[in-house]
């Protein structure tokens, strides 16, 4: 197993120990990010692939949404991978991490030391965010887990806009697999090889993987904030790649910034 995939299991917490651009589903479209929740500037330096991230601004502090029922869920304080998901009899519950499929509409909260973080899920066209003062071994994240069955044999794309403020490491991931005790990831990985943090203005993210393995049971995608700071994410989206040229690819593709090619 590669180092990147080991880090995926450690940081994404998808069961072992762990968006679309406005207008177009690719960072190649130089669209503006959302206004109002973080400063916006027009980047004039292109950042793609596994390069250093260029700092352009600072995201505002993440504040919880009023009356969010997930904020009232008690999360144990021990350093263990946890998630907040719908309970069997209504409401929500905190559990040790597993691979529970909750579908394309629900953002699971995941993390280690989650009590140190604030979470705000998207509402309408508003961005989502995570902020807090966790230690270096703590992280908070949002993830979705969907059934992989309709996507087997297809290439998948995860796109989003991201902005950070005084942040530790921010990681995105897109992965398919059983993710059982053997730690097998059938497709995908994460962006941990890229240093994304500090103060960073709105920037597009693209992650593609596939074709999804015929044995995949679920697809997990999302993002984490490790350590302290603020991260805002706008319009995260998972979709099937339909362009004939791109859909024929069999590698993982990561673009951070504007791919002007």
Protein backbone atom coordinates (compact mmCIF):
# COMPACT_ATOMS: atom_id res chain seq x y z
CA UNK A 1 0.00 0.00 0.00
CA UNK A 2 1.33 3.47 -0.88
CA UNK A 3 2.03 6.12 1.73
CA UNK A 4 -0.80 8.26 0.33
CA UNK A 5 -3.32 5.47 0.82
CA UNK A 6 -2.11 4.84 4.36
CA UNK A 7 -2.68 8.52 5.03
CA UNK A 8 -6.14 8.25 3.48
CA UNK A 9 -7.10 5.62 6.03
CA UNK A 10 -5.60 7.61 8.90
CA UNK A 11 -7.11 10.99 8.08
CA UNK A 12 -10.37 10.41 6.27
CA UNK A 13 -11.67 7.95 8.85
CA UNK A 14 -13.80 6.14 6.31
CA UNK A 15 -13.87 2.91 8.24
CA UNK A 16 -10.42 1.66 9.13
CA UNK A 17 -8.64 4.34 11.08
CA UNK A 18 -9.34 7.33 9.29
CA UNK A 19 -17.57 19.82 -6.29
CA UNK A 20 -18.67 21.32 -8.70
CA UNK A 21 -17.58 24.70 -9.96
CA UNK A 22 -20.24 27.36 -10.38
CA UNK A 23 -21.37 26.90 -13.95
CA UNK A 24 -18.91 24.18 -15.03
CA UNK A 25 -17.73 20.98 -13.30
CA UNK A 26 -14.00 21.60 -13.78
CA UNK A 27 -11.35 23.98 -12.46
CA UNK A 28 -10.46 24.70 -16.09
CA UNK A 29 -13.42 27.08 -16.10
CA UNK A 30 -12.07 30.22 -14.40
CA UNK A 31 -15.27 31.03 -12.55
CA UNK A 32 -15.44 33.18 -9.43
CA UNK A 33 -15.89 31.52 -6.07
CA UNK A 34 -18.65 32.45 -3.61
CA UNK A 35 -18.70 35.95 -2.22
CA UNK A 36 -19.42 37.09 1.32
CA UNK A 37 -18.06 34.22 3.44
CA UNK A 38 -14.38 34.72 2.65
CA UNK A 39 -12.39 37.34 0.81
CA UNK A 40 -12.30 36.85 -2.95
CA UNK A 41 -9.43 37.76 -5.24
CA UNK A 42 -8.55 36.83 -8.80
CA UNK A 43 -5.51 34.54 -8.76
CA UNK A 44 -2.87 35.31 -11.36
CA UNK A 45 -0.69 32.33 -10.53
CA UNK A 46 -1.75 28.85 -11.62
CA UNK A 47 -1.43 26.06 -9.06
CA UNK A 48 -2.04 22.52 -10.30
CA UNK A 49 -1.27 18.98 -9.23
CA UNK A 50 1.17 18.33 -6.42
CA UNK A 51 2.72 21.78 -6.19
CA UNK A 52 2.94 24.29 -3.36
CA UNK A 53 -0.20 26.25 -2.61
CA UNK A 54 -0.15 30.01 -3.13
CA UNK A 55 -1.73 32.07 -0.36
CA UNK A 56 -4.24 34.74 -1.41
CA UNK A 57 -6.44 35.66 1.52
CA UNK A 58 -8.07 34.51 4.70
CA UNK A 59 -11.35 32.76 5.42
CA UNK A 60 -13.60 34.11 8.15
CA UNK A 61 -14.31 32.19 11.34
CA UNK A 62 -16.63 29.21 11.04
CA UNK A 63 -19.73 29.55 13.20
CA UNK A 64 -22.33 26.81 13.75
CA UNK A 65 -25.77 27.21 12.24
CA UNK A 66 -28.52 28.10 14.70
CA UNK A 67 -30.45 25.13 16.11
CA UNK A 68 -28.45 22.50 14.24
CA UNK A 69 -29.48 19.22 15.94
CA UNK A 70 -26.10 17.64 15.23
CA UNK A 71 -24.42 20.23 17.48
CA UNK A 72 -26.24 18.79 20.49
CA UNK A 73 -24.93 15.24 19.94
CA UNK A 74 -22.52 14.30 22.72
CA UNK A 75 -19.22 13.07 21.30
CA UNK A 76 -16.91 11.19 23.72
CA UNK A 77 -13.68 13.02 24.46
CA UNK A 78 -11.25 10.17 23.90
CA UNK A 79 -8.98 10.23 20.87
CA UNK A 80 -10.80 7.78 18.66
CA UNK A 81 -12.23 8.00 15.16
CA UNK A 82 -15.86 9.00 15.52
CA UNK A 83 -18.77 9.87 13.27
CA UNK A 84 -22.19 11.48 13.75
CA UNK A 85 -24.91 9.77 11.72
CA UNK A 86 -28.69 9.29 11.82
CA UNK A 87 -29.84 7.02 14.66
CA UNK A 88 -32.01 3.98 14.00
CA UNK A 89 -34.99 5.44 15.86
CA UNK A 90 -34.68 9.05 14.78
CA UNK A 91 -32.32 11.83 15.70
CA UNK A 92 -28.56 11.47 15.50
CA UNK A 93 -25.87 9.54 17.34
CA UNK A 94 -22.09 9.53 17.71
CA UNK A 95 -20.41 6.20 16.94
CA UNK A 96 -16.97 4.83 16.37
CA UNK A 97 -16.23 5.15 12.69
CA UNK A 98 -17.58 2.59 10.26
CA UNK A 99 -18.63 2.54 6.63
CA UNK A 100 -22.29 3.38 7.06
CA UNK A 101 -23.88 4.50 3.80
CA UNK A 102 -26.06 7.54 4.44
CA UNK A 103 -26.56 8.64 0.85
CA UNK A 104 -25.90 11.72 -1.27
CA UNK A 105 -27.88 14.17 0.88
CA UNK A 106 -26.33 13.69 4.34
CA UNK A 107 -22.95 15.03 5.43
CA UNK A 108 -21.51 12.87 8.18
CA UNK A 109 -19.31 14.62 10.71
CA UNK A 110 -16.16 12.60 11.34
CA UNK A 111 -12.95 13.09 13.24
CA UNK A 112 -10.65 12.53 16.17
CA UNK A 113 -11.14 14.95 19.05
CA UNK A 114 -14.26 16.33 17.36
CA UNK A 115 -15.20 18.38 20.42
CA UNK A 116 -12.48 20.88 19.50
CA UNK A 117 -14.19 21.74 16.18
CA UNK A 118 -17.19 23.71 14.95
CA UNK A 119 -19.16 22.35 12.00
CA UNK A 120 -21.56 24.05 9.62
CA UNK A 121 -23.18 22.02 6.86
CA UNK A 122 -24.27 23.79 3.65
CA UNK A 123 -27.72 25.37 3.53
CA UNK A 124 -29.11 26.17 0.12
CA UNK A 125 -26.34 27.80 -1.85
CA UNK A 126 -24.34 28.77 1.26
CA UNK A 127 -20.83 27.36 1.90
CA UNK A 128 -20.04 24.83 4.61
CA UNK A 129 -17.16 25.07 7.06
CA UNK A 130 -15.10 23.52 9.84
CA UNK A 131 -13.13 25.49 12.40
CA UNK A 132 -11.50 24.98 15.74
CA UNK A 133 -8.40 24.62 17.82
CA UNK A 134 -7.59 20.93 17.69
CA UNK A 135 -4.16 19.52 18.45
CA UNK A 136 -1.82 18.10 15.81
CA UNK A 137 -3.32 14.62 16.25
CA UNK A 138 -6.92 15.86 15.99
CA UNK A 139 -9.06 16.50 12.96
CA UNK A 140 -12.62 17.27 12.01
CA UNK A 141 -14.18 16.39 8.69
CA UNK A 142 -17.30 16.16 6.59
CA UNK A 143 -17.93 13.13 4.39
CA UNK A 144 -20.63 11.52 2.30
CA UNK A 145 -20.82 7.79 1.67
CA UNK A 146 -22.94 6.54 -1.24
CA UNK A 147 -23.70 3.14 -2.69
CA UNK A 148 -21.15 2.35 -5.41
CA UNK A 149 -23.41 -0.03 -7.35
CA UNK A 150 -24.70 2.48 -9.97
CA UNK A 151 -21.19 3.84 -10.51
CA UNK A 152 -19.23 0.63 -11.11
CA UNK A 153 -17.27 0.87 -14.33
CA UNK A 154 -17.72 4.66 -14.45
CA UNK A 155 -15.17 7.37 -13.85
CA UNK A 156 -16.07 9.74 -11.00
CA UNK A 157 -15.27 13.39 -10.36
CA UNK A 158 -15.35 15.29 -7.04
CA UNK A 159 -15.17 19.09 -7.35
CA UNK A 160 -15.40 21.94 -4.86
CA UNK A 161 -14.17 25.41 -3.98
CA UNK A 162 -12.02 25.79 -0.83
CA UNK A 163 -10.82 28.72 1.28
CA UNK A 164 -8.75 28.52 4.47
CA UNK A 165 -7.74 30.79 7.36
CA UNK A 166 -4.74 30.06 9.59
CA UNK A 167 -5.42 26.38 8.89
CA UNK A 168 -3.37 23.31 9.55
CA UNK A 169 -3.48 20.63 6.87
CA UNK A 170 -6.66 20.51 4.78
CA UNK A 171 -7.22 17.30 2.82
CA UNK A 172 -9.81 16.24 0.27
CA UNK A 173 -10.49 12.65 -0.71
CA UNK A 174 -12.44 10.52 -3.14
CA UNK A 175 -12.23 6.75 -2.60
CA UNK A 176 -14.12 3.59 -3.50
CA UNK A 177 -13.77 0.18 -1.97
CA UNK A 178 -14.75 -2.36 0.61
CA UNK A 179 -12.36 -0.65 3.07
CA UNK A 180 -12.47 -3.74 5.24
CA UNK A 181 -9.90 -4.93 7.79
CA UNK A 182 -7.27 -5.34 5.10
CA UNK A 183 -7.37 -1.63 4.35
CA UNK A 184 -8.08 -2.07 0.65
CA UNK A 185 -8.87 1.05 -1.37
CA UNK A 186 -10.03 -0.01 -4.82
CA UNK A 187 -10.04 3.46 -6.41
CA UNK A 188 -8.91 6.91 -5.44
CA UNK A 189 -6.96 8.48 -2.63
CA UNK A 190 -6.48 11.92 -1.12
CA UNK A 191 -4.66 15.22 -1.49
CA UNK A 192 -2.35 14.82 1.50
CA UNK A 193 0.73 15.14 -0.70
CA UNK A 194 -0.24 18.78 -1.30
CA UNK A 195 0.37 21.34 1.45
CA UNK A 196 -3.01 23.06 1.62
CA UNK A 197 -3.46 25.28 4.65
CA UNK A 198 -2.54 28.62 6.15
CA UNK A 199 -4.46 31.56 4.66
CA UNK A 200 -5.82 30.70 1.25
CA UNK A 201 -8.47 32.38 -0.88
CA UNK A 202 -11.22 30.63 -2.83
CA UNK A 203 -9.66 28.05 -5.10
CA UNK A 204 -11.18 25.19 -7.14
CA UNK A 205 -10.40 21.55 -6.36
CA UNK A 206 -10.84 18.64 -8.76
CA UNK A 207 -10.31 14.95 -7.96
CA UNK A 208 -11.05 12.21 -10.51
CA UNK A 209 -10.73 8.45 -10.18
CA UNK A 210 -12.00 5.38 -11.96
CA UNK A 211 -13.30 3.37 -13.55
CA UNK A 212 -14.88 2.29 -10.27
CA UNK A 213 -14.00 -1.30 -9.47
CA UNK A 214 -16.72 -3.91 -9.98
CA UNK A 215 -16.25 -5.05 -6.36
CA UNK A 216 -16.66 -1.58 -4.84
CA UNK A 217 -19.50 -1.34 -2.33
CA UNK A 218 -19.39 2.33 -1.55
CA UNK A 219 -17.83 5.63 -2.56
CA UNK A 220 -16.67 8.07 0.10
CA UNK A 221 -15.76 11.70 -0.51
CA UNK A 222 -15.20 14.75 1.65
CA UNK A 223 -12.60 16.87 3.40
CA UNK A 224 -10.76 17.21 6.72
CA UNK A 225 -9.16 19.96 8.76
CA UNK A 226 -6.23 18.61 10.79
CA UNK A 227 -5.05 20.74 13.70
CA UNK A 228 -6.45 24.25 14.06
CA UNK A 229 -7.81 27.00 11.83
CA UNK A 230 -10.74 27.49 9.48
CA UNK A 231 -11.73 25.81 6.22
CA UNK A 232 -14.68 26.76 4.02
CA UNK A 233 -15.96 24.61 1.15
CA UNK A 234 -18.45 25.70 -1.47
CA UNK A 235 -20.58 23.63 -3.85
CA UNK A 236 -19.01 20.19 -3.33
CA UNK A 237 -20.23 17.82 -6.01
CA UNK A 238 -19.78 14.18 -7.00
CA UNK A 239 -20.63 13.32 -10.60
CA UNK A 240 -19.99 10.83 -13.37
CA UNK A 241 -17.38 11.94 -15.92
CA UNK A 242 -19.13 11.95 -19.29
CA UNK A 243 -16.58 13.61 -21.56
CA UNK A 244 -15.27 10.79 -23.83
CA UNK A 245 -11.62 11.80 -23.46
CA UNK A 246 -11.70 12.11 -19.68
CA UNK A 247 -13.95 9.11 -19.09
CA UNK A 248 -11.42 6.86 -20.83
CA UNK A 249 -8.68 7.71 -18.30
CA UNK A 250 -7.65 5.14 -15.71
CA UNK A 251 -5.42 7.28 -13.49
CA UNK A 252 -6.21 9.51 -10.53
CA UNK A 253 -6.29 13.18 -11.47
CA UNK A 254 -5.93 16.01 -8.95
CA UNK A 255 -6.02 19.70 -9.83
CA UNK A 256 -5.81 22.45 -7.21
CA UNK A 257 -6.19 25.88 -8.76
CA UNK A 258 -6.97 26.81 -12.33
CA UNK A 259 -5.88 24.29 -14.96
CA UNK A 260 -5.41 26.55 -17.97
CA UNK A 261 -3.59 23.79 -19.76
